[in-house]
Amino acid sequence: MEPIRFSSTIRSWNEEQHRGLAVVDIPSELIAALGGLKQQRVHGRIGSADFISNVMPAGGGRLALSVSKAMQGAAGVGMGDAVDVELTQIGRD
């Protein structure tokens, strides 16, 4: 499988209270290429920093990538930053 590439912004899972898990929304046109609205393991890169994480349904037909503090630190980014993301599903050829 070819990596999926997109740009997005790191946001709080709970946008109304600006707290909780940090996530990046995956563009809707790429959700099917990742297997749809389901939780799954992925590996990829934010900028030049490699990671292994999860994508998960985020409500309202959205799929989001969980962005840990370690991932943010390795990529030199934080909440509210625009990022370039590359994703590949783990276990799918």
N, C-alpha and C. Protein backbone atom coordinates (compact mmCIF):
# COMPACT_ATOMS: atom_id res chain seq x y z
N MET A 1 0.85 -1.19 0.00
CA MET A 1 0.00 0.00 0.00
C MET A 1 0.89 1.25 0.00
N GLU A 2 0.55 2.17 -0.86
CA GLU A 2 1.27 3.44 -0.91
C GLU A 2 0.88 4.29 0.30
N PRO A 3 1.83 5.02 0.88
CA PRO A 3 1.48 5.90 2.00
C PRO A 3 0.46 6.96 1.58
N ILE A 4 -0.37 7.34 2.52
CA ILE A 4 -1.35 8.40 2.33
C ILE A 4 -0.73 9.67 2.90
N ARG A 5 -0.76 10.74 2.12
CA ARG A 5 -0.15 12.00 2.55
C ARG A 5 -1.19 13.12 2.56
N PHE A 6 -1.11 13.96 3.59
CA PHE A 6 -2.03 15.09 3.70
C PHE A 6 -1.48 16.11 4.68
N SER A 7 -2.07 17.28 4.68
CA SER A 7 -1.75 18.33 5.65
C SER A 7 -2.98 18.57 6.51
N SER A 8 -2.76 18.85 7.79
CA SER A 8 -3.86 19.10 8.71
C SER A 8 -3.32 19.91 9.89
N THR A 9 -4.16 20.11 10.89
CA THR A 9 -3.79 20.88 12.07
C THR A 9 -4.01 20.04 13.31
N ILE A 10 -3.08 20.08 14.25
CA ILE A 10 -3.23 19.37 15.52
C ILE A 10 -4.27 20.10 16.35
N ARG A 11 -5.27 19.34 16.85
CA ARG A 11 -6.34 19.94 17.65
C ARG A 11 -6.61 19.07 18.87
N SER A 12 -7.37 19.61 19.80
CA SER A 12 -7.82 18.84 20.97
C SER A 12 -8.97 17.94 20.58
N TRP A 13 -8.98 16.73 21.12
CA TRP A 13 -10.11 15.81 20.88
C TRP A 13 -11.41 16.50 21.28
N ASN A 14 -11.41 17.12 22.46
CA ASN A 14 -12.57 17.85 22.94
C ASN A 14 -12.37 19.32 22.59
N GLU A 15 -12.82 19.69 21.41
CA GLU A 15 -12.58 21.04 20.90
C GLU A 15 -13.27 22.12 21.74
N GLU A 16 -14.42 21.79 22.32
CA GLU A 16 -15.16 22.78 23.09
C GLU A 16 -14.43 23.18 24.37
N GLN A 17 -13.75 22.22 24.99
CA GLN A 17 -13.05 22.50 26.24
C GLN A 17 -11.55 22.64 26.05
N HIS A 18 -11.06 22.50 24.82
CA HIS A 18 -9.64 22.64 24.50
C HIS A 18 -8.76 21.79 25.40
N ARG A 19 -9.16 20.52 25.54
CA ARG A 19 -8.36 19.63 26.37
C ARG A 19 -8.53 18.20 25.88
N GLY A 20 -7.76 17.33 26.48
CA GLY A 20 -7.81 15.93 26.12
C GLY A 20 -6.77 15.58 25.08
N LEU A 21 -6.96 14.44 24.49
CA LEU A 21 -6.08 13.87 23.50
C LEU A 21 -5.84 14.84 22.34
N ALA A 22 -4.61 14.89 21.85
CA ALA A 22 -4.30 15.67 20.65
C ALA A 22 -4.52 14.77 19.43
N VAL A 23 -5.18 15.30 18.41
CA VAL A 23 -5.47 14.54 17.20
C VAL A 23 -5.26 15.40 15.97
N VAL A 24 -5.15 14.70 14.83
CA VAL A 24 -5.13 15.34 13.52
C VAL A 24 -6.25 14.69 12.72
N ASP A 25 -7.14 15.49 12.16
CA ASP A 25 -8.23 14.96 11.34
C ASP A 25 -7.70 14.55 9.97
N ILE A 26 -8.14 13.38 9.53
CA ILE A 26 -7.76 12.86 8.23
C ILE A 26 -8.80 13.37 7.23
N PRO A 27 -8.36 13.94 6.10
CA PRO A 27 -9.33 14.45 5.12
C PRO A 27 -10.33 13.36 4.70
N SER A 28 -11.59 13.75 4.57
CA SER A 28 -12.66 12.79 4.29
C SER A 28 -12.41 11.99 3.02
N GLU A 29 -11.77 12.59 2.03
CA GLU A 29 -11.54 11.87 0.77
C GLU A 29 -10.48 10.77 0.90
N LEU A 30 -9.78 10.71 2.04
CA LEU A 30 -8.75 9.68 2.25
C LEU A 30 -9.19 8.57 3.21
N ILE A 31 -10.35 8.73 3.83
CA ILE A 31 -10.81 7.75 4.82
C ILE A 31 -10.98 6.36 4.22
N ALA A 32 -11.57 6.26 3.05
CA ALA A 32 -11.78 4.94 2.42
C ALA A 32 -10.45 4.25 2.14
N ALA A 33 -9.43 5.00 1.75
CA ALA A 33 -8.11 4.42 1.46
C ALA A 33 -7.47 3.81 2.70
N LEU A 34 -7.89 4.27 3.89
CA LEU A 34 -7.39 3.71 5.15
C LEU A 34 -8.29 2.61 5.69
N GLY A 35 -9.33 2.25 4.96
CA GLY A 35 -10.20 1.17 5.39
C GLY A 35 -11.48 1.62 6.05
N GLY A 36 -11.77 2.90 6.01
CA GLY A 36 -13.04 3.39 6.55
C GLY A 36 -12.96 3.90 7.97
N LEU A 37 -14.12 4.15 8.54
CA LEU A 37 -14.24 4.73 9.88
C LEU A 37 -14.11 3.65 10.95
N LYS A 38 -12.90 3.19 11.18
CA LYS A 38 -12.66 2.18 12.21
C LYS A 38 -11.30 2.44 12.86
N GLN A 39 -11.18 2.00 14.10
CA GLN A 39 -9.92 2.16 14.80
C GLN A 39 -8.92 1.15 14.24
N GLN A 40 -7.69 1.61 14.04
CA GLN A 40 -6.63 0.74 13.54
C GLN A 40 -5.26 1.33 13.80
N ARG A 41 -4.26 0.46 13.82
CA ARG A 41 -2.88 0.89 14.01
C ARG A 41 -2.31 1.38 12.69
N VAL A 42 -1.50 2.42 12.77
CA VAL A 42 -0.84 2.98 11.59
C VAL A 42 0.60 3.31 11.96
N HIS A 43 1.42 3.37 10.94
CA HIS A 43 2.74 3.96 11.14
C HIS A 43 2.87 5.07 10.12
N GLY A 44 3.77 5.98 10.40
CA GLY A 44 3.91 7.10 9.49
C GLY A 44 4.91 8.10 9.96
N ARG A 45 4.65 9.33 9.55
CA ARG A 45 5.60 10.40 9.80
C ARG A 45 4.86 11.72 9.88
N ILE A 46 5.27 12.53 10.84
CA ILE A 46 4.86 13.93 10.91
C ILE A 46 6.14 14.71 10.67
N GLY A 47 6.17 15.47 9.59
CA GLY A 47 7.42 16.10 9.18
C GLY A 47 8.43 15.00 8.91
N SER A 48 9.55 15.02 9.64
CA SER A 48 10.56 13.97 9.47
C SER A 48 10.58 12.98 10.62
N ALA A 49 9.62 13.08 11.54
CA ALA A 49 9.58 12.22 12.73
C ALA A 49 8.67 11.01 12.49
N ASP A 50 9.25 9.80 12.58
CA ASP A 50 8.49 8.56 12.42
C ASP A 50 7.70 8.25 13.68
N PHE A 51 6.57 7.54 13.52
CA PHE A 51 5.74 7.15 14.66
C PHE A 51 4.94 5.90 14.35
N ILE A 52 4.42 5.29 15.42
CA ILE A 52 3.36 4.28 15.35
C ILE A 52 2.26 4.79 16.26
N SER A 53 1.02 4.80 15.75
CA SER A 53 -0.10 5.34 16.52
C SER A 53 -1.39 4.66 16.07
N ASN A 54 -2.52 5.30 16.37
CA ASN A 54 -3.84 4.80 16.01
C ASN A 54 -4.64 5.87 15.29
N VAL A 55 -5.50 5.42 14.37
CA VAL A 55 -6.55 6.29 13.86
C VAL A 55 -7.85 5.76 14.43
N MET A 56 -8.83 6.65 14.61
CA MET A 56 -10.08 6.26 15.24
C MET A 56 -11.20 7.18 14.78
N PRO A 57 -12.44 6.66 14.79
CA PRO A 57 -13.58 7.51 14.47
C PRO A 57 -13.65 8.67 15.46
N ALA A 58 -13.93 9.87 14.94
CA ALA A 58 -13.97 11.06 15.78
C ALA A 58 -15.33 11.73 15.77
N GLY A 59 -16.37 11.01 15.35
CA GLY A 59 -17.71 11.58 15.31
C GLY A 59 -17.94 12.43 14.08
N GLY A 60 -19.16 12.52 13.66
CA GLY A 60 -19.50 13.36 12.52
C GLY A 60 -18.88 12.90 11.21
N GLY A 61 -18.60 11.60 11.09
CA GLY A 61 -18.00 11.08 9.86
C GLY A 61 -16.52 11.37 9.72
N ARG A 62 -15.88 11.74 10.84
CA ARG A 62 -14.45 12.06 10.81
C ARG A 62 -13.62 10.88 11.29
N LEU A 63 -12.39 10.79 10.78
CA LEU A 63 -11.39 9.85 11.25
C LEU A 63 -10.21 10.69 11.71
N ALA A 64 -9.66 10.37 12.89
CA ALA A 64 -8.58 11.18 13.46
C ALA A 64 -7.39 10.33 13.85
N LEU A 65 -6.22 10.89 13.72
CA LEU A 65 -4.96 10.29 14.14
C LEU A 65 -4.63 10.79 15.53
N SER A 66 -4.36 9.87 16.45
CA SER A 66 -3.93 10.24 17.80
C SER A 66 -2.47 10.72 17.72
N VAL A 67 -2.20 11.90 18.29
CA VAL A 67 -0.87 12.51 18.24
C VAL A 67 -0.37 12.69 19.68
N SER A 68 0.46 11.75 20.13
CA SER A 68 0.96 11.80 21.51
C SER A 68 1.92 12.96 21.73
N LYS A 69 2.17 13.26 23.00
CA LYS A 69 3.14 14.31 23.34
C LYS A 69 4.52 13.93 22.82
N ALA A 70 4.86 12.63 22.86
CA ALA A 70 6.15 12.18 22.34
C ALA A 70 6.24 12.44 20.83
N MET A 71 5.16 12.17 20.12
CA MET A 71 5.14 12.44 18.67
C MET A 71 5.31 13.93 18.40
N GLN A 72 4.60 14.75 19.18
CA GLN A 72 4.70 16.20 19.01
C GLN A 72 6.13 16.67 19.27
N GLY A 73 6.72 16.16 20.34
CA GLY A 73 8.09 16.56 20.68
C GLY A 73 9.09 16.15 19.61
N ALA A 74 8.96 14.92 19.10
CA ALA A 74 9.89 14.44 18.07
C ALA A 74 9.77 15.25 16.79
N ALA A 75 8.56 15.70 16.48
CA ALA A 75 8.34 16.48 15.26
C ALA A 75 8.53 17.98 15.47
N GLY A 76 8.67 18.40 16.73
CA GLY A 76 8.84 19.82 17.02
C GLY A 76 7.58 20.63 16.76
N VAL A 77 6.42 20.02 17.05
CA VAL A 77 5.13 20.69 16.81
C VAL A 77 4.28 20.63 18.07
N GLY A 78 3.18 21.38 18.07
CA GLY A 78 2.29 21.38 19.21
C GLY A 78 0.87 21.69 18.81
N MET A 79 0.01 21.78 19.80
CA MET A 79 -1.41 22.03 19.58
C MET A 79 -1.60 23.28 18.72
N GLY A 80 -2.43 23.15 17.69
CA GLY A 80 -2.72 24.27 16.81
C GLY A 80 -1.79 24.41 15.62
N ASP A 81 -0.72 23.60 15.58
CA ASP A 81 0.23 23.69 14.47
C ASP A 81 -0.26 22.92 13.25
N ALA A 82 0.02 23.47 12.08
CA ALA A 82 -0.24 22.77 10.82
C ALA A 82 0.90 21.77 10.61
N VAL A 83 0.55 20.56 10.17
CA VAL A 83 1.55 19.51 9.99
C VAL A 83 1.32 18.77 8.67
N ASP A 84 2.40 18.23 8.13
CA ASP A 84 2.35 17.33 6.98
C ASP A 84 2.45 15.92 7.52
N VAL A 85 1.49 15.07 7.13
CA VAL A 85 1.38 13.72 7.67
C VAL A 85 1.47 12.69 6.55
N GLU A 86 2.13 11.57 6.86
CA GLU A 86 2.18 10.42 5.97
C GLU A 86 1.75 9.21 6.79
N LEU A 87 0.80 8.41 6.30
CA LEU A 87 0.27 7.26 7.03
C LEU A 87 0.25 6.01 6.17
N THR A 88 0.53 4.87 6.81
CA THR A 88 0.35 3.56 6.21
C THR A 88 -0.24 2.66 7.27
N GLN A 89 -1.24 1.86 6.92
CA GLN A 89 -1.83 0.91 7.87
C GLN A 89 -0.80 -0.15 8.22
N ILE A 90 -0.83 -0.59 9.47
CA ILE A 90 0.01 -1.69 9.91
C ILE A 90 -0.74 -2.98 9.60
N GLY A 91 -0.05 -3.92 8.97
CA GLY A 91 -0.66 -5.22 8.69
C GLY A 91 -1.43 -5.28 7.41
N ARG A 92 -1.38 -4.24 6.61
CA ARG A 92 -2.07 -4.25 5.31
C ARG A 92 -1.04 -4.03 4.21
N ASP A 93 -1.00 -4.92 3.27
CA ASP A 93 -0.02 -4.81 2.17
C ASP A 93 -0.59 -4.07 1.00
